[in-house]
Amino acid sequence: MAETRTISARKGNSDADSEAPAKPQRTRITKRKANENHARSYFEAIANRDVDGVLSHWSDEGVIDLVPLGVLRGSAQIGGFFRELFGAFPDAEMTVTRVAAGQSEVAVEWRMSATFTGEPFQGVEATGRPIELRGIDLIEIEDGKNVSNTAYYDGMAFARAVGLLPQQDSNAERAMKGAVNAVTKARRVVADLRYRTAA
């Protein structure tokens, strides 16, 4: 019996010959993945308390908006802030809990635990108290460098932790609220008297 062979659409090729070659493994990294890796590397430098490593991720004219504290502009201010932070909290531990990366921006959710045992921070002497913070940074990246970062965390929780504000629901907090309310009511009475006098 004569041997039969199926001919592929391309003349002269058998089925075996017509199989498409295996696609090469994709090695090009996506921009989103590159941004994610950059953000993780940045937070690793923070976790290592490495100021030079932190600054290596920033453009020279980068801007950080620390919502509870204020705005930092340029390498000198950004580096100064992190030196102060690491000096004030020498045992600080930073953990990244979630990263969402886009084409030009990355959102990083984080947790930080530390003890305020080092140098003064923002004019406050070390109190020896522990702090636990969680926050989120929204980082804009251009050409592999941070150009802006808006950082959100609970400034009131931080102030309570380091001793700037009394603990929540404590007698001291109730007294402070009572004093604020008394002043507010007194101002209303004065404003009302002025209005009646003017009328």
N, C-alpha and C. Protein backbone atom coordinates (compact mmCIF):
# COMPACT_ATOMS: atom_id res chain seq x y z
N MET A 1 0.85 -1.18 0.00
CA MET A 1 0.00 0.00 0.00
C MET A 1 0.88 1.23 0.00
N ALA A 2 0.51 2.16 -0.86
CA ALA A 2 1.34 3.36 -1.00
C ALA A 2 1.25 4.21 0.25
N GLU A 3 2.38 4.76 0.65
CA GLU A 3 2.42 5.63 1.82
C GLU A 3 1.75 6.95 1.48
N THR A 4 0.90 7.41 2.37
CA THR A 4 0.24 8.69 2.14
C THR A 4 0.83 9.72 3.09
N ARG A 5 0.85 10.95 2.65
CA ARG A 5 1.39 12.03 3.47
C ARG A 5 0.54 13.27 3.26
N THR A 6 0.15 13.88 4.34
CA THR A 6 -0.64 15.10 4.24
C THR A 6 0.27 16.25 3.90
N ILE A 7 -0.13 17.04 2.95
CA ILE A 7 0.67 18.19 2.52
C ILE A 7 0.10 19.44 3.19
N SER A 8 0.96 20.23 3.76
CA SER A 8 0.50 21.46 4.42
C SER A 8 0.24 22.51 3.37
N ALA A 9 -0.31 23.63 3.84
CA ALA A 9 -0.62 24.72 2.94
C ALA A 9 0.65 25.24 2.28
N ARG A 10 1.75 25.20 3.00
CA ARG A 10 3.01 25.62 2.40
C ARG A 10 3.55 24.44 1.62
N LYS A 11 3.72 24.58 0.35
CA LYS A 11 4.05 23.50 -0.55
C LYS A 11 5.34 22.81 -0.12
N GLY A 12 5.24 21.48 -0.09
CA GLY A 12 6.42 20.69 0.17
C GLY A 12 6.71 20.46 1.64
N ASN A 13 5.88 20.98 2.58
CA ASN A 13 6.12 20.80 4.02
C ASN A 13 5.17 19.77 4.57
N SER A 14 5.68 18.91 5.39
CA SER A 14 4.84 17.93 6.06
C SER A 14 4.26 18.56 7.32
N ASP A 15 3.38 17.80 8.00
CA ASP A 15 2.80 18.28 9.25
C ASP A 15 3.90 18.62 10.25
N ALA A 16 4.88 17.77 10.34
CA ALA A 16 5.97 18.00 11.30
C ALA A 16 6.72 19.27 10.96
N ASP A 17 6.92 19.48 9.63
CA ASP A 17 7.67 20.66 9.21
C ASP A 17 6.89 21.94 9.41
N SER A 18 5.52 21.83 9.42
CA SER A 18 4.70 23.04 9.44
C SER A 18 4.41 23.55 10.85
N GLU A 19 4.85 22.80 11.88
CA GLU A 19 4.60 23.25 13.24
C GLU A 19 5.34 24.57 13.47
N ALA A 20 4.62 25.52 14.10
CA ALA A 20 5.23 26.84 14.37
C ALA A 20 6.36 26.68 15.38
N PRO A 21 7.45 27.39 15.16
CA PRO A 21 8.55 27.29 16.13
C PRO A 21 8.11 27.84 17.49
N ALA A 22 8.69 27.29 18.54
CA ALA A 22 8.33 27.74 19.89
C ALA A 22 8.68 29.21 20.06
N LYS A 23 7.76 29.93 20.70
CA LYS A 23 8.00 31.35 20.93
C LYS A 23 9.10 31.52 21.97
N PRO A 24 9.99 32.47 21.74
CA PRO A 24 11.04 32.69 22.74
C PRO A 24 10.43 33.25 24.03
N GLN A 25 11.06 32.95 25.15
CA GLN A 25 10.59 33.47 26.43
C GLN A 25 10.64 34.99 26.42
N ARG A 26 9.59 35.60 26.96
CA ARG A 26 9.54 37.05 27.01
C ARG A 26 10.45 37.55 28.13
N THR A 27 11.41 38.37 27.79
CA THR A 27 12.37 38.84 28.79
C THR A 27 12.22 40.33 29.06
N ARG A 28 11.51 41.05 28.19
CA ARG A 28 11.36 42.49 28.39
C ARG A 28 10.43 42.75 29.57
N ILE A 29 10.90 43.54 30.51
CA ILE A 29 10.11 43.85 31.70
C ILE A 29 9.12 44.97 31.36
N THR A 30 7.91 44.84 31.86
CA THR A 30 6.90 45.87 31.59
C THR A 30 7.20 47.12 32.42
N LYS A 31 6.65 48.24 31.99
CA LYS A 31 6.87 49.48 32.72
C LYS A 31 6.26 49.40 34.12
N ARG A 32 5.10 48.77 34.22
CA ARG A 32 4.47 48.64 35.53
C ARG A 32 5.34 47.82 36.48
N LYS A 33 5.90 46.73 35.97
CA LYS A 33 6.76 45.90 36.81
C LYS A 33 8.03 46.65 37.19
N ALA A 34 8.58 47.41 36.24
CA ALA A 34 9.78 48.20 36.55
C ALA A 34 9.47 49.23 37.64
N ASN A 35 8.30 49.87 37.56
CA ASN A 35 7.92 50.85 38.58
C ASN A 35 7.70 50.17 39.94
N GLU A 36 7.10 48.99 39.92
CA GLU A 36 6.92 48.26 41.17
C GLU A 36 8.27 47.91 41.80
N ASN A 37 9.19 47.41 40.97
CA ASN A 37 10.51 47.06 41.48
C ASN A 37 11.23 48.29 42.04
N HIS A 38 11.08 49.41 41.35
CA HIS A 38 11.69 50.66 41.82
C HIS A 38 11.13 51.06 43.18
N ALA A 39 9.81 51.00 43.33
CA ALA A 39 9.18 51.38 44.60
C ALA A 39 9.59 50.44 45.72
N ARG A 40 9.65 49.15 45.43
CA ARG A 40 10.08 48.19 46.46
C ARG A 40 11.53 48.44 46.87
N SER A 41 12.37 48.77 45.90
CA SER A 41 13.76 49.08 46.20
C SER A 41 13.88 50.33 47.05
N TYR A 42 13.05 51.32 46.75
CA TYR A 42 13.02 52.56 47.54
C TYR A 42 12.66 52.27 48.99
N PHE A 43 11.62 51.47 49.20
CA PHE A 43 11.21 51.16 50.57
C PHE A 43 12.19 50.23 51.27
N GLU A 44 12.90 49.44 50.50
CA GLU A 44 13.96 48.62 51.10
C GLU A 44 15.07 49.53 51.64
N ALA A 45 15.39 50.59 50.91
CA ALA A 45 16.40 51.56 51.39
C ALA A 45 15.91 52.24 52.67
N ILE A 46 14.61 52.56 52.73
CA ILE A 46 14.06 53.14 53.95
C ILE A 46 14.15 52.14 55.10
N ALA A 47 13.78 50.88 54.83
CA ALA A 47 13.84 49.85 55.87
C ALA A 47 15.27 49.66 56.38
N ASN A 48 16.25 49.85 55.50
CA ASN A 48 17.66 49.70 55.88
C ASN A 48 18.24 50.98 56.48
N ARG A 49 17.40 52.03 56.57
CA ARG A 49 17.84 53.33 57.10
C ARG A 49 19.06 53.85 56.34
N ASP A 50 18.98 53.73 55.03
CA ASP A 50 20.08 54.09 54.13
C ASP A 50 19.72 55.39 53.40
N VAL A 51 20.21 56.52 53.92
CA VAL A 51 19.84 57.82 53.34
C VAL A 51 20.32 57.93 51.90
N ASP A 52 21.57 57.54 51.64
CA ASP A 52 22.09 57.61 50.27
C ASP A 52 21.28 56.73 49.34
N GLY A 53 20.89 55.56 49.82
CA GLY A 53 20.06 54.66 49.01
C GLY A 53 18.70 55.27 48.73
N VAL A 54 18.12 55.92 49.72
CA VAL A 54 16.83 56.60 49.53
C VAL A 54 16.97 57.68 48.46
N LEU A 55 18.01 58.52 48.58
CA LEU A 55 18.18 59.63 47.65
C LEU A 55 18.48 59.15 46.23
N SER A 56 19.09 57.99 46.09
CA SER A 56 19.40 57.48 44.75
C SER A 56 18.14 57.19 43.95
N HIS A 57 16.99 57.08 44.60
CA HIS A 57 15.72 56.83 43.92
C HIS A 57 15.02 58.12 43.51
N TRP A 58 15.57 59.27 43.91
CA TRP A 58 14.90 60.55 43.68
C TRP A 58 15.57 61.37 42.59
N SER A 59 14.77 62.12 41.84
CA SER A 59 15.31 63.15 40.98
C SER A 59 15.79 64.30 41.87
N ASP A 60 16.70 65.12 41.35
CA ASP A 60 17.27 66.20 42.15
C ASP A 60 16.23 67.21 42.61
N GLU A 61 15.16 67.35 41.85
CA GLU A 61 14.12 68.33 42.18
C GLU A 61 12.83 67.67 42.65
N GLY A 62 12.94 66.47 43.20
CA GLY A 62 11.77 65.75 43.68
C GLY A 62 11.08 66.46 44.83
N VAL A 63 9.80 66.14 45.02
CA VAL A 63 8.99 66.77 46.06
C VAL A 63 8.23 65.69 46.82
N ILE A 64 8.34 65.74 48.16
CA ILE A 64 7.53 64.88 49.02
C ILE A 64 6.53 65.75 49.76
N ASP A 65 5.26 65.39 49.65
CA ASP A 65 4.22 66.05 50.44
C ASP A 65 3.84 65.09 51.57
N LEU A 66 4.44 65.32 52.75
CA LEU A 66 4.08 64.55 53.95
C LEU A 66 2.83 65.24 54.53
N VAL A 67 1.68 64.69 54.25
CA VAL A 67 0.43 65.39 54.54
C VAL A 67 0.34 65.87 55.99
N PRO A 68 0.72 65.07 57.01
CA PRO A 68 0.62 65.58 58.38
C PRO A 68 1.71 66.58 58.76
N LEU A 69 2.81 66.65 58.00
CA LEU A 69 3.95 67.48 58.40
C LEU A 69 4.21 68.67 57.49
N GLY A 70 4.22 68.45 56.19
CA GLY A 70 4.54 69.54 55.27
C GLY A 70 5.22 69.02 54.01
N VAL A 71 5.73 69.96 53.22
CA VAL A 71 6.31 69.64 51.92
C VAL A 71 7.83 69.73 51.98
N LEU A 72 8.49 68.74 51.39
CA LEU A 72 9.95 68.72 51.27
C LEU A 72 10.30 68.85 49.80
N ARG A 73 11.24 69.76 49.48
CA ARG A 73 11.61 70.00 48.09
C ARG A 73 13.10 69.79 47.90
N GLY A 74 13.44 68.93 46.94
CA GLY A 74 14.83 68.73 46.57
C GLY A 74 15.57 67.76 47.48
N SER A 75 16.74 67.35 47.00
CA SER A 75 17.52 66.32 47.69
C SER A 75 17.93 66.73 49.09
N ALA A 76 18.28 68.00 49.29
CA ALA A 76 18.76 68.43 50.60
C ALA A 76 17.67 68.27 51.66
N GLN A 77 16.45 68.72 51.36
CA GLN A 77 15.38 68.61 52.35
C GLN A 77 14.94 67.17 52.54
N ILE A 78 14.86 66.41 51.45
CA ILE A 78 14.45 65.01 51.56
C ILE A 78 15.49 64.23 52.36
N GLY A 79 16.76 64.41 52.03
CA GLY A 79 17.81 63.73 52.78
C GLY A 79 17.82 64.14 54.24
N GLY A 80 17.63 65.43 54.51
CA GLY A 80 17.60 65.93 55.88
C GLY A 80 16.48 65.30 56.69
N PHE A 81 15.31 65.15 56.07
CA PHE A 81 14.18 64.55 56.77
C PHE A 81 14.49 63.10 57.14
N PHE A 82 15.01 62.33 56.20
CA PHE A 82 15.27 60.92 56.49
C PHE A 82 16.41 60.75 57.50
N ARG A 83 17.40 61.62 57.46
CA ARG A 83 18.45 61.56 58.49
C ARG A 83 17.85 61.81 59.88
N GLU A 84 16.96 62.81 59.96
CA GLU A 84 16.31 63.10 61.23
C GLU A 84 15.43 61.93 61.68
N LEU A 85 14.67 61.36 60.75
CA LEU A 85 13.79 60.23 61.06
C LEU A 85 14.59 59.04 61.58
N PHE A 86 15.64 58.67 60.85
CA PHE A 86 16.44 57.50 61.24
C PHE A 86 17.20 57.75 62.54
N GLY A 87 17.61 59.00 62.76
CA GLY A 87 18.30 59.33 64.00
C GLY A 87 17.38 59.28 65.21
N ALA A 88 16.12 59.68 65.01
CA ALA A 88 15.16 59.71 66.11
C ALA A 88 14.62 58.33 66.45
N PHE A 89 14.49 57.47 65.43
CA PHE A 89 13.92 56.13 65.61
C PHE A 89 14.92 55.09 65.12
N PRO A 90 15.98 54.84 65.88
CA PRO A 90 17.07 53.98 65.38
C PRO A 90 16.68 52.52 65.18
N ASP A 91 15.58 52.09 65.77
CA ASP A 91 15.16 50.70 65.61
C ASP A 91 13.97 50.57 64.66
N ALA A 92 13.71 51.61 63.87
CA ALA A 92 12.52 51.62 62.99
C ALA A 92 12.52 50.43 62.05
N GLU A 93 11.36 49.81 61.91
CA GLU A 93 11.16 48.71 60.97
C GLU A 93 10.02 49.08 60.03
N MET A 94 10.30 49.02 58.73
CA MET A 94 9.31 49.38 57.71
C MET A 94 8.95 48.12 56.93
N THR A 95 7.66 47.85 56.82
CA THR A 95 7.17 46.69 56.09
C THR A 95 6.19 47.13 55.01
N VAL A 96 6.43 46.72 53.78
CA VAL A 96 5.49 46.99 52.68
C VAL A 96 4.44 45.89 52.68
N THR A 97 3.17 46.30 52.73
CA THR A 97 2.07 45.32 52.77
C THR A 97 1.35 45.16 51.44
N ARG A 98 1.45 46.19 50.57
CA ARG A 98 0.77 46.10 49.27
C ARG A 98 1.36 47.12 48.32
N VAL A 99 1.49 46.73 47.04
CA VAL A 99 1.98 47.63 46.00
C VAL A 99 1.06 47.53 44.79
N ALA A 100 0.63 48.68 44.28
CA ALA A 100 -0.17 48.73 43.05
C ALA A 100 0.53 49.68 42.10
N ALA A 101 1.04 49.15 41.00
CA ALA A 101 1.86 49.95 40.08
C ALA A 101 1.12 50.22 38.78
N GLY A 102 1.31 51.44 38.28
CA GLY A 102 0.77 51.83 36.98
C GLY A 102 1.90 52.23 36.04
N GLN A 103 1.54 52.91 34.97
CA GLN A 103 2.53 53.30 33.97
C GLN A 103 3.48 54.39 34.48
N SER A 104 3.01 55.24 35.38
CA SER A 104 3.86 56.32 35.87
C SER A 104 3.74 56.56 37.37
N GLU A 105 2.81 55.85 38.03
CA GLU A 105 2.61 56.04 39.46
C GLU A 105 2.54 54.69 40.17
N VAL A 106 2.93 54.70 41.44
CA VAL A 106 2.88 53.50 42.26
C VAL A 106 2.27 53.86 43.61
N ALA A 107 1.33 53.05 44.07
CA ALA A 107 0.77 53.20 45.42
C ALA A 107 1.38 52.12 46.30
N VAL A 108 1.93 52.53 47.43
CA VAL A 108 2.58 51.59 48.35
C VAL A 108 1.94 51.73 49.73
N GLU A 109 1.35 50.64 50.21
CA GLU A 109 0.81 50.60 51.56
C GLU A 109 1.88 50.03 52.48
N TRP A 110 2.07 50.65 53.64
CA TRP A 110 3.17 50.24 54.51
C TRP A 110 2.78 50.29 55.98
N ARG A 111 3.60 49.64 56.78
CA ARG A 111 3.50 49.71 58.24
C ARG A 111 4.89 50.01 58.80
N MET A 112 4.91 50.78 59.88
CA MET A 112 6.18 51.11 60.52
C MET A 112 6.04 50.95 62.02
N SER A 113 7.02 50.29 62.63
CA SER A 113 7.08 50.22 64.09
C SER A 113 8.46 50.71 64.52
N ALA A 114 8.51 51.43 65.65
CA ALA A 114 9.77 52.02 66.10
C ALA A 114 9.62 52.47 67.54
N THR A 115 10.75 52.84 68.12
CA THR A 115 10.76 53.41 69.46
C THR A 115 11.49 54.75 69.40
N PHE A 116 10.89 55.76 70.01
CA PHE A 116 11.44 57.12 69.95
C PHE A 116 12.51 57.25 71.04
N THR A 117 13.70 56.73 70.72
CA THR A 117 14.79 56.70 71.71
C THR A 117 16.03 57.45 71.25
N GLY A 118 16.00 58.03 70.07
CA GLY A 118 17.21 58.64 69.53
C GLY A 118 17.24 60.15 69.66
N GLU A 119 17.58 60.79 68.55
CA GLU A 119 17.69 62.25 68.50
C GLU A 119 16.30 62.90 68.50
N PRO A 120 16.22 64.22 68.73
CA PRO A 120 14.92 64.91 68.63
C PRO A 120 14.34 64.78 67.22
N PHE A 121 13.02 64.79 67.14
CA PHE A 121 12.33 64.72 65.85
C PHE A 121 11.32 65.86 65.78
N GLN A 122 11.47 66.71 64.76
CA GLN A 122 10.58 67.84 64.55
C GLN A 122 10.50 68.71 65.82
N GLY A 123 11.65 68.87 66.48
CA GLY A 123 11.71 69.72 67.66
C GLY A 123 11.28 69.07 68.95
N VAL A 124 10.93 67.78 68.91
CA VAL A 124 10.48 67.07 70.11
C VAL A 124 11.58 66.14 70.59
N GLU A 125 11.92 66.24 71.87
CA GLU A 125 12.93 65.36 72.46
C GLU A 125 12.40 63.93 72.54
N ALA A 126 13.31 62.97 72.47
CA ALA A 126 12.92 61.56 72.52
C ALA A 126 12.20 61.24 73.82
N THR A 127 11.09 60.53 73.70
CA THR A 127 10.27 60.18 74.86
C THR A 127 10.43 58.72 75.25
N GLY A 128 11.09 57.93 74.42
CA GLY A 128 11.24 56.51 74.71
C GLY A 128 10.00 55.69 74.42
N ARG A 129 9.01 56.31 73.81
CA ARG A 129 7.75 55.60 73.57
C ARG A 129 7.77 54.84 72.24
N PRO A 130 7.06 53.71 72.19
CA PRO A 130 6.93 52.97 70.92
C PRO A 130 5.87 53.60 70.04
N ILE A 131 6.03 53.45 68.75
CA ILE A 131 5.01 53.91 67.80
C ILE A 131 4.68 52.79 66.83
N GLU A 132 3.46 52.79 66.38
CA GLU A 132 2.98 51.88 65.33
C GLU A 132 2.20 52.73 64.35
N LEU A 133 2.66 52.77 63.11
CA LEU A 133 1.99 53.58 62.09
C LEU A 133 1.68 52.73 60.87
N ARG A 134 0.65 53.11 60.18
CA ARG A 134 0.38 52.56 58.85
C ARG A 134 0.05 53.71 57.94
N GLY A 135 0.42 53.59 56.68
CA GLY A 135 0.19 54.68 55.76
C GLY A 135 0.25 54.22 54.32
N ILE A 136 0.14 55.19 53.43
CA ILE A 136 0.22 54.89 52.00
C ILE A 136 0.95 56.03 51.31
N ASP A 137 1.84 55.68 50.40
CA ASP A 137 2.58 56.65 49.59
C ASP A 137 2.12 56.52 48.15
N LEU A 138 1.87 57.66 47.51
CA LEU A 138 1.55 57.70 46.08
C LEU A 138 2.73 58.35 45.38
N ILE A 139 3.50 57.53 44.67
CA ILE A 139 4.77 57.97 44.10
C ILE A 139 4.64 58.11 42.59
N GLU A 140 5.08 59.25 42.07
CA GLU A 140 5.13 59.47 40.62
C GLU A 140 6.57 59.27 40.16
N ILE A 141 6.73 58.47 39.12
CA ILE A 141 8.07 58.08 38.65
C ILE A 141 8.24 58.53 37.20
N GLU A 142 9.37 59.16 36.91
CA GLU A 142 9.74 59.53 35.53
C GLU A 142 11.18 59.13 35.30
N ASP A 143 11.42 58.43 34.20
CA ASP A 143 12.78 58.01 33.83
C ASP A 143 13.48 57.29 34.98
N GLY A 144 12.73 56.45 35.69
CA GLY A 144 13.33 55.64 36.74
C GLY A 144 13.65 56.38 38.02
N LYS A 145 13.09 57.58 38.21
CA LYS A 145 13.33 58.35 39.43
C LYS A 145 12.01 58.87 39.99
N ASN A 146 11.94 58.95 41.32
CA ASN A 146 10.79 59.58 41.95
C ASN A 146 10.82 61.08 41.67
N VAL A 147 9.71 61.61 41.20
CA VAL A 147 9.61 63.06 41.01
C VAL A 147 8.65 63.68 42.03
N SER A 148 7.72 62.88 42.55
CA SER A 148 6.85 63.37 43.60
C SER A 148 6.33 62.20 44.41
N ASN A 149 5.97 62.49 45.65
CA ASN A 149 5.41 61.47 46.54
C ASN A 149 4.48 62.16 47.52
N THR A 150 3.23 61.74 47.55
CA THR A 150 2.29 62.23 48.55
C THR A 150 2.10 61.10 49.55
N ALA A 151 2.49 61.36 50.81
CA ALA A 151 2.47 60.32 51.85
C ALA A 151 1.39 60.64 52.87
N TYR A 152 0.51 59.68 53.09
CA TYR A 152 -0.59 59.82 54.04
C TYR A 152 -0.38 58.87 55.22
N TYR A 153 -0.50 59.37 56.42
CA TYR A 153 -0.56 58.55 57.62
C TYR A 153 -1.31 59.33 58.69
N ASP A 154 -1.65 58.66 59.78
CA ASP A 154 -2.45 59.29 60.83
C ASP A 154 -1.56 60.15 61.71
N GLY A 155 -1.56 61.46 61.45
CA GLY A 155 -0.72 62.37 62.21
C GLY A 155 -1.12 62.44 63.68
N MET A 156 -2.42 62.30 63.97
CA MET A 156 -2.85 62.34 65.36
C MET A 156 -2.37 61.11 66.12
N ALA A 157 -2.41 59.93 65.46
CA ALA A 157 -1.92 58.71 66.11
C ALA A 157 -0.42 58.84 66.39
N PHE A 158 0.32 59.44 65.45
CA PHE A 158 1.75 59.65 65.66
C PHE A 158 1.98 60.60 66.83
N ALA A 159 1.23 61.70 66.89
CA ALA A 159 1.39 62.67 67.97
C ALA A 159 1.07 62.04 69.32
N ARG A 160 0.05 61.18 69.37
CA ARG A 160 -0.26 60.49 70.62
C ARG A 160 0.86 59.54 71.01
N ALA A 161 1.41 58.84 70.01
CA ALA A 161 2.43 57.84 70.29
C ALA A 161 3.70 58.46 70.86
N VAL A 162 4.09 59.62 70.34
CA VAL A 162 5.35 60.23 70.81
C VAL A 162 5.14 61.14 72.01
N GLY A 163 3.88 61.34 72.43
CA GLY A 163 3.62 62.12 73.63
C GLY A 163 3.23 63.56 73.41
N LEU A 164 3.03 63.97 72.16
CA LEU A 164 2.59 65.34 71.90
C LEU A 164 1.13 65.56 72.27
N LEU A 165 0.33 64.51 72.17
CA LEU A 165 -1.08 64.56 72.55
C LEU A 165 -1.35 63.46 73.56
N PRO A 166 -2.36 63.66 74.43
CA PRO A 166 -2.70 62.60 75.39
C PRO A 166 -3.30 61.39 74.69
N GLN A 167 -3.24 60.26 75.36
CA GLN A 167 -3.78 59.03 74.80
C GLN A 167 -5.30 59.14 74.63
N GLN A 168 -5.80 58.45 73.62
CA GLN A 168 -7.23 58.50 73.32
C GLN A 168 -8.06 58.00 74.51
N ASP A 169 -9.12 58.74 74.83
CA ASP A 169 -10.06 58.40 75.91
C ASP A 169 -9.44 58.48 77.31
N SER A 170 -8.28 59.09 77.41
CA SER A 170 -7.66 59.25 78.73
C SER A 170 -8.26 60.47 79.45
N ASN A 171 -8.00 60.57 80.75
CA ASN A 171 -8.47 61.73 81.52
C ASN A 171 -7.88 63.02 80.95
N ALA A 172 -6.61 62.94 80.56
CA ALA A 172 -5.95 64.12 79.99
C ALA A 172 -6.62 64.57 78.71
N GLU A 173 -7.02 63.61 77.86
CA GLU A 173 -7.69 63.98 76.62
C GLU A 173 -9.06 64.60 76.91
N ARG A 174 -9.78 64.03 77.86
CA ARG A 174 -11.09 64.59 78.21
C ARG A 174 -10.94 66.01 78.75
N ALA A 175 -9.91 66.23 79.56
CA ALA A 175 -9.67 67.58 80.10
C ALA A 175 -9.33 68.56 78.97
N MET A 176 -8.51 68.09 78.00
CA MET A 176 -8.13 68.94 76.89
C MET A 176 -9.35 69.31 76.04
N LYS A 177 -10.20 68.33 75.78
CA LYS A 177 -11.42 68.60 75.01
C LYS A 177 -12.34 69.55 75.76
N GLY A 178 -12.42 69.35 77.07
CA GLY A 178 -13.25 70.24 77.87
C GLY A 178 -12.76 71.68 77.80
N ALA A 179 -11.43 71.86 77.85
CA ALA A 179 -10.86 73.20 77.77
C ALA A 179 -11.13 73.83 76.41
N VAL A 180 -10.96 73.05 75.35
CA VAL A 180 -11.22 73.57 74.00
C VAL A 180 -12.68 73.96 73.86
N ASN A 181 -13.58 73.11 74.34
CA ASN A 181 -15.02 73.42 74.25
C ASN A 181 -15.39 74.66 75.05
N ALA A 182 -14.75 74.83 76.21
CA ALA A 182 -15.04 76.01 77.03
C ALA A 182 -14.62 77.28 76.31
N VAL A 183 -13.44 77.25 75.69
CA VAL A 183 -12.96 78.42 74.94
C VAL A 183 -13.89 78.71 73.76
N THR A 184 -14.32 77.66 73.06
CA THR A 184 -15.20 77.83 71.91
C THR A 184 -16.53 78.47 72.33
N LYS A 185 -17.10 78.00 73.44
CA LYS A 185 -18.37 78.56 73.93
C LYS A 185 -18.19 80.02 74.35
N ALA A 186 -17.05 80.32 75.01
CA ALA A 186 -16.80 81.71 75.44
C ALA A 186 -16.69 82.63 74.23
N ARG A 187 -16.05 82.17 73.18
CA ARG A 187 -15.94 82.98 71.96
C ARG A 187 -17.30 83.23 71.35
N ARG A 188 -18.18 82.24 71.39
CA ARG A 188 -19.52 82.41 70.83
C ARG A 188 -20.31 83.45 71.63
N VAL A 189 -20.15 83.41 72.95
CA VAL A 189 -20.86 84.38 73.79
C VAL A 189 -20.37 85.79 73.48
N VAL A 190 -19.04 85.96 73.38
CA VAL A 190 -18.47 87.27 73.08
C VAL A 190 -18.93 87.76 71.71
N ALA A 191 -18.91 86.86 70.72
CA ALA A 191 -19.35 87.24 69.37
C ALA A 191 -20.82 87.64 69.37
N ASP A 192 -21.64 86.92 70.14
CA ASP A 192 -23.07 87.23 70.22
C ASP A 192 -23.30 88.60 70.87
N LEU A 193 -22.54 88.89 71.94
CA LEU A 193 -22.66 90.19 72.60
C LEU A 193 -22.26 91.33 71.67
N ARG A 194 -21.19 91.12 70.93
CA ARG A 194 -20.74 92.15 69.98
C ARG A 194 -21.80 92.40 68.92
N TYR A 195 -22.40 91.31 68.44
CA TYR A 195 -23.44 91.46 67.40
C TYR A 195 -24.63 92.26 67.94
N ARG A 196 -25.06 91.93 69.18
CA ARG A 196 -26.21 92.62 69.78
C ARG A 196 -25.89 94.10 70.05
N THR A 197 -24.65 94.36 70.48
CA THR A 197 -24.25 95.73 70.74
C THR A 197 -24.23 96.55 69.46
N ALA A 198 -23.71 95.94 68.39
CA ALA A 198 -23.63 96.64 67.11
C ALA A 198 -25.02 96.90 66.54
N ALA A 199 -25.97 95.99 66.81
CA ALA A 199 -27.35 96.16 66.31
C ALA A 199 -28.05 97.24 67.09
